[in-house]
Amino acid sequence: MKKAFLLFLSLSLFTACDNEPLEGEFFGLADPDGEQTGGGGSESDDLTLSLYELDTDVTFSLLGTTIQTITRSDLNVSNNILTSSSIEVTVPPAPAETETQTYTRNGQGQIVSDVSVNAAGTTTNEYTITYENGQISQITYDYYEDDEDDYTYNFTYSGNVATRTEVGSNISTVFTQDNSNRLIKKESFDGTTSIQVETITYDSNGNCATSVRTGETDSNSTYSYDDYNSPLKVVYDEQYLLSFFSDDYSDEIGSVLAHFHSSKNWNAVNIDGTAYNFTLQYNSANRISSRNISYDFGSDLSFEFDEVFNYVN
């Protein structure tokens, strides 16, 4: 089962659906029977995230055929560090496929590999990340069943700009950060021709406020948040650049910033003038316990994302 590097999975999927409609893992709140799970543990305000449950139900039309994909994911967290995850994907009428991911870190705590193993114990795919002077210098992806899906990304740096090139491809992507090391621009080129640009602005809390994309995909998104601290930021900020360096050139970064790297909980987005408000629930300490994210783009595409947040002392 092919997967995108954890979380790089995110909601960028719905804005890149014309390119890779099923590349990834998604988000959840309900068990297969529709009953809420998790979100529990003590409601003390000094707890840390221990299990993050993500489910999704995606329905889209491909060449006149309606396809539904149901995904159940469990992500295990210890001391605010992602340790392992499991994902079950069902594309009816085929049976569900299950894989587990394990992460290996170097002495500096940086992820150096992400290995996926299926229920039969066979390794299906692997990411390997190489660093030089603390910076990502190379990312390789090996999908064992089909070499066509393999790739190698190389990175060079100049000040606050990182340039990614892909072996055997004319596509390059330039990532620009501001003086606070926040991504403010992603631009991709085919040779010397710019083909996709995304610019990002931030609010007073440092959260992604807007994303404007032009080129192969045009969109204008504005993000909103509640007033409570997000438990995801501390977990995923250790993978901040890795979240984007391993994506496809056409993938949106704004929704990934909003979902995983915001200090407050993402609760709404306005995409090209259409507002989508999410349903969030909280425990007595005002810590998020669940979130439902729904998008309906008509008969050709709809998404249902759900999440549950479980805490421990």
C-alpha atoms as a PDB file:
ATOM      1  CA  MET A   1       0.000   0.000   0.000  1.00  0.00           C
ATOM      2  CA  LYS A   2       1.532   3.247  -1.117  1.00  0.00           C
ATOM      3  CA  LYS A   3       1.557   6.096   1.379  1.00  0.00           C
ATOM      4  CA  ALA A   4       2.781   9.632   1.615  1.00  0.00           C
ATOM      5  CA  PHE A   5       5.209  10.418   4.420  1.00  0.00           C
ATOM      6  CA  LEU A   6       3.134  10.656   7.554  1.00  0.00           C
ATOM      7  CA  LEU A   7       1.096  13.727   7.888  1.00  0.00           C
ATOM      8  CA  PHE A   8       2.345  14.988   4.709  1.00  0.00           C
ATOM      9  CA  LEU A   9      -0.793  13.365   4.101  1.00  0.00           C
ATOM     10  CA  SER A  10      -2.623  16.265   5.387  1.00  0.00           C
ATOM     11  CA  LEU A  11      -5.484  18.312   4.071  1.00  0.00           C
ATOM     12  CA  SER A  12      -3.363  19.457   1.163  1.00  0.00           C
ATOM     13  CA  LEU A  13      -5.002  16.474  -0.494  1.00  0.00           C
ATOM     14  CA  PHE A  14      -8.233  18.319  -1.186  1.00  0.00           C
ATOM     15  CA  THR A  15      -6.472  21.134  -3.023  1.00  0.00           C
ATOM     16  CA  ALA A  16      -4.240  18.766  -5.002  1.00  0.00           C
ATOM     17  CA  CYS A  17      -6.864  16.170  -5.804  1.00  0.00           C
ATOM     18  CA  ASP A  18      -6.430  16.524  -9.548  1.00  0.00           C
ATOM     19  CA  ASN A  19      -2.845  15.341  -9.224  1.00  0.00           C
ATOM     20  CA  GLU A  20      -2.750  12.584  -6.600  1.00  0.00           C
ATOM     21  CA  PRO A  21      -6.201  11.890  -5.158  1.00  0.00           C
ATOM     22  CA  LEU A  22      -5.202   8.999  -2.930  1.00  0.00           C
ATOM     23  CA  GLU A  23      -1.583   9.630  -1.958  1.00  0.00           C
ATOM     24  CA  GLY A  24      -1.665   9.650   1.807  1.00  0.00           C
ATOM     25  CA  GLU A  25      -2.929   8.974   5.276  1.00  0.00           C
ATOM     26  CA  PHE A  26      -5.838  10.942   6.713  1.00  0.00           C
ATOM     27  CA  PHE A  27      -7.722  11.999   9.828  1.00  0.00           C
ATOM     28  CA  GLY A  28     -10.260  10.661  12.297  1.00  0.00           C
ATOM     29  CA  LEU A  29     -12.735  10.694  15.183  1.00  0.00           C
ATOM     30  CA  ALA A  30     -15.089   7.738  14.786  1.00  0.00           C
ATOM     31  CA  ASP A  31     -14.630   4.013  14.856  1.00  0.00           C
ATOM     32  CA  PRO A  32     -15.993   1.903  11.973  1.00  0.00           C
ATOM     33  CA  ASP A  33     -19.341   1.696  13.751  1.00  0.00           C
ATOM     34  CA  GLY A  34     -19.623   5.458  13.962  1.00  0.00           C
ATOM     35  CA  GLU A  35     -19.185   5.716  17.732  1.00  0.00           C
ATOM     36  CA  GLN A  36     -16.847   8.294  19.180  1.00  0.00           C
ATOM     37  CA  THR A  37     -13.642   6.837  20.592  1.00  0.00           C
ATOM     38  CA  GLY A  38     -10.791   8.205  22.664  1.00  0.00           C
ATOM     39  CA  GLY A  39     -10.475  11.834  23.594  1.00  0.00           C
ATOM     40  CA  GLY A  40     -10.152  10.622  27.121  1.00  0.00           C
ATOM     41  CA  GLY A  41      -7.694  10.379  29.941  1.00  0.00           C
ATOM     42  CA  SER A  42      -7.703  12.852  32.784  1.00  0.00           C
ATOM     43  CA  GLU A  43      -8.834  16.344  31.914  1.00  0.00           C
ATOM     44  CA  SER A  44      -5.978  18.013  33.742  1.00  0.00           C
ATOM     45  CA  ASP A  45      -4.391  20.886  31.830  1.00  0.00           C
ATOM     46  CA  ASP A  46      -0.856  19.460  32.222  1.00  0.00           C
ATOM     47  CA  LEU A  47      -1.399  16.390  30.037  1.00  0.00           C
ATOM     48  CA  THR A  48       0.459  15.490  26.849  1.00  0.00           C
ATOM     49  CA  LEU A  49      -0.867  13.875  23.699  1.00  0.00           C
ATOM     50  CA  SER A  50      -0.436  10.082  23.703  1.00  0.00           C
ATOM     51  CA  LEU A  51      -2.604   8.790  20.852  1.00  0.00           C
ATOM     52  CA  TYR A  52      -3.851  10.749  17.880  1.00  0.00           C
ATOM     53  CA  GLU A  53      -6.621   9.009  15.937  1.00  0.00           C
ATOM     54  CA  LEU A  54      -7.296  10.079  12.363  1.00  0.00           C
ATOM     55  CA  ASP A  55     -10.009   8.735  10.087  1.00  0.00           C
ATOM     56  CA  THR A  56     -11.314   9.812   6.737  1.00  0.00           C
ATOM     57  CA  ASP A  57     -13.951   8.976   4.191  1.00  0.00           C
ATOM     58  CA  VAL A  58     -13.141  10.282   0.706  1.00  0.00           C
ATOM     59  CA  THR A  59     -15.441   9.882  -2.296  1.00  0.00           C
ATOM     60  CA  PHE A  60     -14.464  11.057  -5.751  1.00  0.00           C
ATOM     61  CA  SER A  61     -15.205  10.408  -9.401  1.00  0.00           C
ATOM     62  CA  LEU A  62     -12.498   9.068 -11.700  1.00  0.00           C
ATOM     63  CA  LEU A  63     -13.260   8.575 -15.388  1.00  0.00           C
ATOM     64  CA  GLY A  64     -16.955   8.284 -14.604  1.00  0.00           C
ATOM     65  CA  THR A  65     -16.469   5.773 -11.776  1.00  0.00           C
ATOM     66  CA  THR A  66     -17.242   6.674  -8.151  1.00  0.00           C
ATOM     67  CA  ILE A  67     -14.489   5.589  -5.780  1.00  0.00           C
ATOM     68  CA  GLN A  68     -14.621   5.636  -1.986  1.00  0.00           C
ATOM     69  CA  THR A  69     -11.581   5.367   0.264  1.00  0.00           C
ATOM     70  CA  ILE A  70     -11.934   4.802   4.015  1.00  0.00           C
ATOM     71  CA  THR A  71      -8.841   5.281   6.166  1.00  0.00           C
ATOM     72  CA  ARG A  72      -8.306   4.596   9.876  1.00  0.00           C
ATOM     73  CA  SER A  73      -5.043   5.811  11.408  1.00  0.00           C
ATOM     74  CA  ASP A  74      -3.565   5.646  14.918  1.00  0.00           C
ATOM     75  CA  LEU A  75      -0.463   7.711  15.669  1.00  0.00           C
ATOM     76  CA  ASN A  76       1.410   6.962  18.873  1.00  0.00           C
ATOM     77  CA  VAL A  77       3.112   9.815  20.713  1.00  0.00           C
ATOM     78  CA  SER A  78       5.518   9.667  23.668  1.00  0.00           C
ATOM     79  CA  ASN A  79       6.969  12.762  25.357  1.00  0.00           C
ATOM     80  CA  ASN A  80       5.656  14.851  22.461  1.00  0.00           C
ATOM     81  CA  ILE A  81       7.547  12.719  19.930  1.00  0.00           C
ATOM     82  CA  LEU A  82       5.868  10.610  17.249  1.00  0.00           C
ATOM     83  CA  THR A  83       7.039   7.019  17.804  1.00  0.00           C
ATOM     84  CA  SER A  84       4.973   4.832  15.466  1.00  0.00           C
ATOM     85  CA  SER A  85       1.718   4.726  13.539  1.00  0.00           C
ATOM     86  CA  SER A  86      -0.658   2.307  11.912  1.00  0.00           C
ATOM     87  CA  ILE A  87      -3.028   2.806   9.024  1.00  0.00           C
ATOM     88  CA  GLU A  88      -5.876   0.736   7.618  1.00  0.00           C
ATOM     89  CA  VAL A  89      -7.102   1.633   4.141  1.00  0.00           C
ATOM     90  CA  THR A  90     -10.231   0.208   2.528  1.00  0.00           C
ATOM     91  CA  VAL A  91     -11.263   0.820  -1.073  1.00  0.00           C
ATOM     92  CA  PRO A  92     -14.544  -1.106  -1.412  1.00  0.00           C
ATOM     93  CA  PRO A  93     -15.112  -3.791  -2.497  1.00  0.00           C
ATOM     94  CA  ALA A  94     -11.457  -4.761  -1.853  1.00  0.00           C
ATOM     95  CA  PRO A  95     -10.545  -5.891   1.680  1.00  0.00           C
ATOM     96  CA  ALA A  96      -8.771  -3.526   4.040  1.00  0.00           C
ATOM     97  CA  GLU A  97      -4.997  -3.234   3.933  1.00  0.00           C
ATOM     98  CA  THR A  98      -3.089  -2.500   7.112  1.00  0.00           C
ATOM     99  CA  GLU A  99       0.419  -1.165   7.583  1.00  0.00           C
ATOM    100  CA  THR A 100       2.527   0.040  10.475  1.00  0.00           C
ATOM    101  CA  GLN A 101       5.157   2.755  10.285  1.00  0.00           C
ATOM    102  CA  THR A 102       8.214   3.012  12.496  1.00  0.00           C
ATOM    103  CA  TYR A 103      10.544   5.983  12.699  1.00  0.00           C
ATOM    104  CA  THR A 104      14.266   5.964  13.346  1.00  0.00           C
ATOM    105  CA  ARG A 105      16.094   9.056  14.629  1.00  0.00           C
ATOM    106  CA  ASN A 106      19.723  10.084  14.763  1.00  0.00           C
ATOM    107  CA  GLY A 107      21.565  11.342  17.822  1.00  0.00           C
ATOM    108  CA  GLN A 108      20.137  14.824  17.303  1.00  0.00           C
ATOM    109  CA  GLY A 109      16.579  13.478  17.314  1.00  0.00           C
ATOM    110  CA  GLN A 110      16.049  14.006  13.598  1.00  0.00           C
ATOM    111  CA  ILE A 111      14.032  11.393  11.694  1.00  0.00           C
ATOM    112  CA  VAL A 112      16.338   9.451   9.376  1.00  0.00           C
ATOM    113  CA  SER A 113      13.937   6.759   8.182  1.00  0.00           C
ATOM    114  CA  ASP A 114      10.245   5.878   8.018  1.00  0.00           C
ATOM    115  CA  VAL A 115       9.605   2.211   7.227  1.00  0.00           C
ATOM    116  CA  SER A 116       6.172   0.743   6.400  1.00  0.00           C
ATOM    117  CA  VAL A 117       5.402  -2.939   6.989  1.00  0.00           C
ATOM    118  CA  ASN A 118       2.167  -4.654   5.968  1.00  0.00           C
ATOM    119  CA  ALA A 119       0.132  -7.216   7.922  1.00  0.00           C
ATOM    120  CA  ALA A 120       2.150 -10.069   6.388  1.00  0.00           C
ATOM    121  CA  GLY A 121       5.366  -8.612   7.791  1.00  0.00           C
ATOM    122  CA  THR A 122       6.650  -7.423   4.404  1.00  0.00           C
ATOM    123  CA  THR A 123       8.259  -4.008   4.061  1.00  0.00           C
ATOM    124  CA  THR A 124       6.354  -2.120   1.372  1.00  0.00           C
ATOM    125  CA  ASN A 125       7.990   1.292   1.281  1.00  0.00           C
ATOM    126  CA  GLU A 126      10.630   3.360   3.000  1.00  0.00           C
ATOM    127  CA  TYR A 127      11.743   6.958   3.310  1.00  0.00           C
ATOM    128  CA  THR A 128      15.386   7.720   4.075  1.00  0.00           C
ATOM    129  CA  ILE A 129      16.453  11.216   5.115  1.00  0.00           C
ATOM    130  CA  THR A 130      20.088  12.374   5.034  1.00  0.00           C
ATOM    131  CA  TYR A 131      21.453  15.440   6.816  1.00  0.00           C
ATOM    132  CA  GLU A 132      24.526  17.611   6.411  1.00  0.00           C
ATOM    133  CA  ASN A 133      25.401  20.180   9.071  1.00  0.00           C
ATOM    134  CA  GLY A 134      21.987  19.619  10.621  1.00  0.00           C
ATOM    135  CA  GLN A 135      20.095  20.395   7.403  1.00  0.00           C
ATOM    136  CA  ILE A 136      18.202  17.955   5.192  1.00  0.00           C
ATOM    137  CA  SER A 137      20.406  17.208   2.197  1.00  0.00           C
ATOM    138  CA  GLN A 138      18.525  14.303   0.609  1.00  0.00           C
ATOM    139  CA  ILE A 139      15.218  12.426   0.833  1.00  0.00           C
ATOM    140  CA  THR A 140      14.761   9.117  -0.966  1.00  0.00           C
ATOM    141  CA  TYR A 141      11.535   7.172  -1.303  1.00  0.00           C
ATOM    142  CA  ASP A 142      11.531   3.493  -2.253  1.00  0.00           C
ATOM    143  CA  TYR A 143       8.194   1.869  -3.094  1.00  0.00           C
ATOM    144  CA  TYR A 144       9.170  -1.773  -3.334  1.00  0.00           C
ATOM    145  CA  GLU A 145       6.324  -2.912  -5.588  1.00  0.00           C
ATOM    146  CA  ASP A 146       6.857  -0.339  -8.330  1.00  0.00           C
ATOM    147  CA  ASP A 147      10.105   1.499  -9.055  1.00  0.00           C
ATOM    148  CA  GLU A 148       8.172   4.043 -11.092  1.00  0.00           C
ATOM    149  CA  ASP A 149       7.042   5.607  -7.824  1.00  0.00           C
ATOM    150  CA  ASP A 150      10.574   5.902  -6.406  1.00  0.00           C
ATOM    151  CA  TYR A 151      12.264   9.284  -6.187  1.00  0.00           C
ATOM    152  CA  THR A 152      15.294  11.073  -4.794  1.00  0.00           C
ATOM    153  CA  TYR A 153      15.167  14.713  -3.736  1.00  0.00           C
ATOM    154  CA  ASN A 154      18.385  16.702  -3.234  1.00  0.00           C
ATOM    155  CA  PHE A 155      18.588  20.022  -1.370  1.00  0.00           C
ATOM    156  CA  THR A 156      20.862  23.036  -1.500  1.00  0.00           C
ATOM    157  CA  TYR A 157      20.722  26.150   0.691  1.00  0.00           C
ATOM    158  CA  SER A 158      21.438  29.833   0.312  1.00  0.00           C
ATOM    159  CA  GLY A 159      20.538  31.992   3.282  1.00  0.00           C
ATOM    160  CA  ASN A 160      16.837  31.520   4.009  1.00  0.00           C
ATOM    161  CA  VAL A 161      16.174  29.744   0.703  1.00  0.00           C
ATOM    162  CA  ALA A 162      16.230  25.971   0.144  1.00  0.00           C
ATOM    163  CA  THR A 163      16.118  24.560  -3.382  1.00  0.00           C
ATOM    164  CA  ARG A 164      14.920  21.011  -4.046  1.00  0.00           C
ATOM    165  CA  THR A 165      15.760  19.107  -7.205  1.00  0.00           C
ATOM    166  CA  GLU A 166      14.585  15.633  -8.177  1.00  0.00           C
ATOM    167  CA  VAL A 167      16.911  13.138  -9.809  1.00  0.00           C
ATOM    168  CA  GLY A 168      15.776  12.479 -13.391  1.00  0.00           C
ATOM    169  CA  SER A 169      13.286  15.354 -13.422  1.00  0.00           C
ATOM    170  CA  ASN A 170      13.261  18.918 -14.716  1.00  0.00           C
ATOM    171  CA  ILE A 171      11.089  20.013 -11.795  1.00  0.00           C
ATOM    172  CA  SER A 172      12.698  22.033  -9.001  1.00  0.00           C
ATOM    173  CA  THR A 173      11.066  23.684  -5.997  1.00  0.00           C
ATOM    174  CA  VAL A 174      12.275  26.695  -4.034  1.00  0.00           C
ATOM    175  CA  PHE A 175      11.230  27.119  -0.377  1.00  0.00           C
ATOM    176  CA  THR A 176      11.660  30.556   1.194  1.00  0.00           C
ATOM    177  CA  GLN A 177      11.581  31.271   4.944  1.00  0.00           C
ATOM    178  CA  ASP A 178      11.347  34.589   6.772  1.00  0.00           C
ATOM    179  CA  ASN A 179      13.636  35.747   9.584  1.00  0.00           C
ATOM    180  CA  SER A 180      11.558  33.675  12.043  1.00  0.00           C
ATOM    181  CA  ASN A 181      12.228  30.513  10.010  1.00  0.00           C
ATOM    182  CA  ARG A 182       8.611  30.323   8.848  1.00  0.00           C
ATOM    183  CA  LEU A 183       7.823  29.272   5.298  1.00  0.00           C
ATOM    184  CA  ILE A 184       6.456  32.209   3.348  1.00  0.00           C
ATOM    185  CA  LYS A 185       6.761  30.983  -0.238  1.00  0.00           C
ATOM    186  CA  LYS A 186       6.935  27.769  -2.255  1.00  0.00           C
ATOM    187  CA  GLU A 187       7.634  28.065  -5.973  1.00  0.00           C
ATOM    188  CA  SER A 188       8.113  25.222  -8.442  1.00  0.00           C
ATOM    189  CA  PHE A 189       9.772  25.377 -11.841  1.00  0.00           C
ATOM    190  CA  ASP A 190       9.845  23.219 -14.931  1.00  0.00           C
ATOM    191  CA  GLY A 191      13.336  24.058 -16.069  1.00  0.00           C
ATOM    192  CA  THR A 192      13.387  27.842 -15.729  1.00  0.00           C
ATOM    193  CA  THR A 193       9.616  28.297 -16.127  1.00  0.00           C
ATOM    194  CA  SER A 194       7.587  28.931 -12.987  1.00  0.00           C
ATOM    195  CA  ILE A 195       4.625  26.529 -12.901  1.00  0.00           C
ATOM    196  CA  GLN A 196       3.253  26.805  -9.350  1.00  0.00           C
ATOM    197  CA  VAL A 197       3.596  29.467  -6.650  1.00  0.00           C
ATOM    198  CA  GLU A 198       2.180  29.596  -3.122  1.00  0.00           C
ATOM    199  CA  THR A 199       2.626  32.559  -0.794  1.00  0.00           C
ATOM    200  CA  ILE A 200       1.837  32.437   2.930  1.00  0.00           C
ATOM    201  CA  THR A 201       1.004  35.131   5.494  1.00  0.00           C
ATOM    202  CA  TYR A 202       0.788  34.755   9.281  1.00  0.00           C
ATOM    203  CA  ASP A 203      -1.411  36.227  12.011  1.00  0.00           C
ATOM    204  CA  SER A 204      -0.269  37.836  15.276  1.00  0.00           C
ATOM    205  CA  ASN A 205      -0.045  34.395  16.940  1.00  0.00           C
ATOM    206  CA  GLY A 206       2.291  33.103  14.237  1.00  0.00           C
ATOM    207  CA  ASN A 207      -0.377  30.896  12.676  1.00  0.00           C
ATOM    208  CA  CYS A 208      -0.898  30.595   8.925  1.00  0.00           C
ATOM    209  CA  ALA A 209      -3.447  33.267   8.019  1.00  0.00           C
ATOM    210  CA  THR A 210      -3.657  33.038   4.226  1.00  0.00           C
ATOM    211  CA  SER A 211      -2.433  30.919   1.332  1.00  0.00           C
ATOM    212  CA  VAL A 212      -2.548  32.173  -2.238  1.00  0.00           C
ATOM    213  CA  ARG A 213      -1.700  29.756  -5.053  1.00  0.00           C
ATOM    214  CA  THR A 214      -1.203  30.595  -8.708  1.00  0.00           C
ATOM    215  CA  GLY A 215      -0.072  28.539 -11.673  1.00  0.00           C
ATOM    216  CA  GLU A 216      -1.287  25.019 -12.419  1.00  0.00           C
ATOM    217  CA  THR A 217      -3.658  25.369  -9.448  1.00  0.00           C
ATOM    218  CA  ASP A 218      -5.190  28.697  -8.414  1.00  0.00           C
ATOM    219  CA  SER A 219      -6.727  29.133  -4.974  1.00  0.00           C
ATOM    220  CA  ASN A 220      -7.104  31.683  -2.203  1.00  0.00           C
ATOM    221  CA  SER A 221      -7.537  30.323   1.333  1.00  0.00           C
ATOM    222  CA  THR A 222      -7.993  32.072   4.685  1.00  0.00           C
ATOM    223  CA  TYR A 223      -7.574  30.089   7.911  1.00  0.00           C
ATOM    224  CA  SER A 224      -9.216  30.614  11.325  1.00  0.00           C
ATOM    225  CA  TYR A 225      -8.432  29.255  14.797  1.00  0.00           C
ATOM    226  CA  ASP A 226      -9.902  28.974  18.263  1.00  0.00           C
ATOM    227  CA  ASP A 227      -8.291  30.430  21.406  1.00  0.00           C
ATOM    228  CA  TYR A 228      -6.874  27.187  22.838  1.00  0.00           C
ATOM    229  CA  ASN A 229      -3.453  25.611  22.494  1.00  0.00           C
ATOM    230  CA  SER A 230      -3.086  22.911  19.843  1.00  0.00           C
ATOM    231  CA  PRO A 231      -1.516  19.632  21.035  1.00  0.00           C
ATOM    232  CA  LEU A 232      -0.255  18.900  17.504  1.00  0.00           C
ATOM    233  CA  LYS A 233       2.211  21.758  17.181  1.00  0.00           C
ATOM    234  CA  VAL A 234       4.696  20.503  19.762  1.00  0.00           C
ATOM    235  CA  VAL A 235       4.608  17.009  18.204  1.00  0.00           C
ATOM    236  CA  TYR A 236       4.990  18.017  14.582  1.00  0.00           C
ATOM    237  CA  ASP A 237       7.234  21.060  14.790  1.00  0.00           C
ATOM    238  CA  GLU A 238      10.237  18.742  15.029  1.00  0.00           C
ATOM    239  CA  GLN A 239       9.296  17.722  11.467  1.00  0.00           C
ATOM    240  CA  TYR A 240       8.510  21.249  10.289  1.00  0.00           C
ATOM    241  CA  LEU A 241      10.597  21.352   7.107  1.00  0.00           C
ATOM    242  CA  LEU A 242      10.357  17.613   6.548  1.00  0.00           C
ATOM    243  CA  SER A 243       6.595  18.070   6.285  1.00  0.00           C
ATOM    244  CA  PHE A 244       7.067  20.110   3.120  1.00  0.00           C
ATOM    245  CA  PHE A 245      10.391  18.942   1.723  1.00  0.00           C
ATOM    246  CA  SER A 246       8.969  15.446   1.105  1.00  0.00           C
ATOM    247  CA  ASP A 247       5.770  16.558  -0.637  1.00  0.00           C
ATOM    248  CA  ASP A 248       4.924  16.826  -4.328  1.00  0.00           C
ATOM    249  CA  TYR A 249       5.744  20.077  -6.091  1.00  0.00           C
ATOM    250  CA  SER A 250       2.015  20.788  -6.557  1.00  0.00           C
ATOM    251  CA  ASP A 251       0.936  20.117  -2.959  1.00  0.00           C
ATOM    252  CA  GLU A 252      -0.423  22.987  -0.894  1.00  0.00           C
ATOM    253  CA  ILE A 253       1.456  23.913   2.286  1.00  0.00           C
ATOM    254  CA  GLY A 254      -1.080  26.299   3.827  1.00  0.00           C
ATOM    255  CA  SER A 255      -3.425  23.626   5.161  1.00  0.00           C
ATOM    256  CA  VAL A 256      -0.492  21.621   6.580  1.00  0.00           C
ATOM    257  CA  LEU A 257       0.700  24.712   8.435  1.00  0.00           C
ATOM    258  CA  ALA A 258      -2.820  25.359   9.739  1.00  0.00           C
ATOM    259  CA  HIS A 259      -3.453  21.791  10.818  1.00  0.00           C
ATOM    260  CA  PHE A 260      -0.143  20.679  12.310  1.00  0.00           C
ATOM    261  CA  HIS A 261       1.990  23.753  12.946  1.00  0.00           C
ATOM    262  CA  SER A 262      -0.417  26.279  14.447  1.00  0.00           C
ATOM    263  CA  SER A 263      -0.284  27.266  18.102  1.00  0.00           C
ATOM    264  CA  LYS A 264      -4.098  27.271  18.284  1.00  0.00           C
ATOM    265  CA  ASN A 265      -6.614  24.731  16.989  1.00  0.00           C
ATOM    266  CA  TRP A 266      -7.634  25.182  13.347  1.00  0.00           C
ATOM    267  CA  ASN A 267     -11.426  25.562  13.242  1.00  0.00           C
ATOM    268  CA  ALA A 268     -12.368  26.983   9.817  1.00  0.00           C
ATOM    269  CA  VAL A 269     -11.158  27.806   6.327  1.00  0.00           C
ATOM    270  CA  ASN A 270     -12.493  29.954   3.525  1.00  0.00           C
ATOM    271  CA  ILE A 271     -11.509  28.640   0.091  1.00  0.00           C
ATOM    272  CA  ASP A 272     -12.171  30.934  -2.863  1.00  0.00           C
ATOM    273  CA  GLY A 273     -15.093  32.547  -1.070  1.00  0.00           C
ATOM    274  CA  THR A 274     -16.669  29.353   0.322  1.00  0.00           C
ATOM    275  CA  ALA A 275     -16.534  28.958   4.109  1.00  0.00           C
ATOM    276  CA  TYR A 276     -16.016  25.595   5.819  1.00  0.00           C
ATOM    277  CA  ASN A 277     -16.538  25.577   9.586  1.00  0.00           C
ATOM    278  CA  PHE A 278     -15.303  22.583  11.571  1.00  0.00           C
ATOM    279  CA  THR A 279     -16.854  20.947  14.635  1.00  0.00           C
ATOM    280  CA  LEU A 280     -14.520  20.871  17.642  1.00  0.00           C
ATOM    281  CA  GLN A 281     -15.133  19.417  21.087  1.00  0.00           C
ATOM    282  CA  TYR A 282     -13.112  20.107  24.248  1.00  0.00           C
ATOM    283  CA  ASN A 283     -12.596  18.618  27.686  1.00  0.00           C
ATOM    284  CA  SER A 284     -13.081  20.613  30.881  1.00  0.00           C
ATOM    285  CA  ALA A 285      -9.507  21.947  30.655  1.00  0.00           C
ATOM    286  CA  ASN A 286     -10.270  23.382  27.185  1.00  0.00           C
ATOM    287  CA  ARG A 287      -8.017  20.855  25.495  1.00  0.00           C
ATOM    288  CA  ILE A 288      -9.324  19.702  22.132  1.00  0.00           C
ATOM    289  CA  SER A 289     -10.784  16.188  22.342  1.00  0.00           C
ATOM    290  CA  SER A 290     -12.184  15.778  18.823  1.00  0.00           C
ATOM    291  CA  ARG A 291     -12.554  17.577  15.508  1.00  0.00           C
ATOM    292  CA  ASN A 292     -14.693  16.937  12.441  1.00  0.00           C
ATOM    293  CA  ILE A 293     -13.739  18.463   9.094  1.00  0.00           C
ATOM    294  CA  SER A 294     -16.132  18.089   6.169  1.00  0.00           C
ATOM    295  CA  TYR A 295     -15.861  19.295   2.589  1.00  0.00           C
ATOM    296  CA  ASP A 296     -18.418  18.839  -0.160  1.00  0.00           C
ATOM    297  CA  PHE A 297     -17.218  19.857  -3.592  1.00  0.00           C
ATOM    298  CA  GLY A 298     -20.239  18.408  -5.370  1.00  0.00           C
ATOM    299  CA  SER A 299     -20.882  15.003  -6.900  1.00  0.00           C
ATOM    300  CA  ASP A 300     -17.262  14.553  -7.987  1.00  0.00           C
ATOM    301  CA  LEU A 301     -15.526  15.012  -4.635  1.00  0.00           C
ATOM    302  CA  SER A 302     -16.313  14.997  -0.913  1.00  0.00           C
ATOM    303  CA  PHE A 303     -14.227  14.547   2.240  1.00  0.00           C
ATOM    304  CA  GLU A 304     -15.038  13.629   5.819  1.00  0.00           C
ATOM    305  CA  PHE A 305     -12.102  13.975   8.221  1.00  0.00           C
ATOM    306  CA  ASP A 306     -12.338  13.110  11.918  1.00  0.00           C
ATOM    307  CA  GLU A 307      -9.852  13.258  14.764  1.00  0.00           C
ATOM    308  CA  VAL A 308      -9.673  12.133  18.391  1.00  0.00           C
ATOM    309  CA  PHE A 309      -7.040  13.374  20.837  1.00  0.00           C
ATOM    310  CA  ASN A 310      -6.049  11.131  23.762  1.00  0.00           C
ATOM    311  CA  TYR A 311      -3.911  12.428  26.641  1.00  0.00           C
ATOM    312  CA  VAL A 312      -1.805  11.051  29.498  1.00  0.00           C
ATOM    313  CA  ASN A 313      -0.052  12.569  32.512  1.00  0.00           C
END
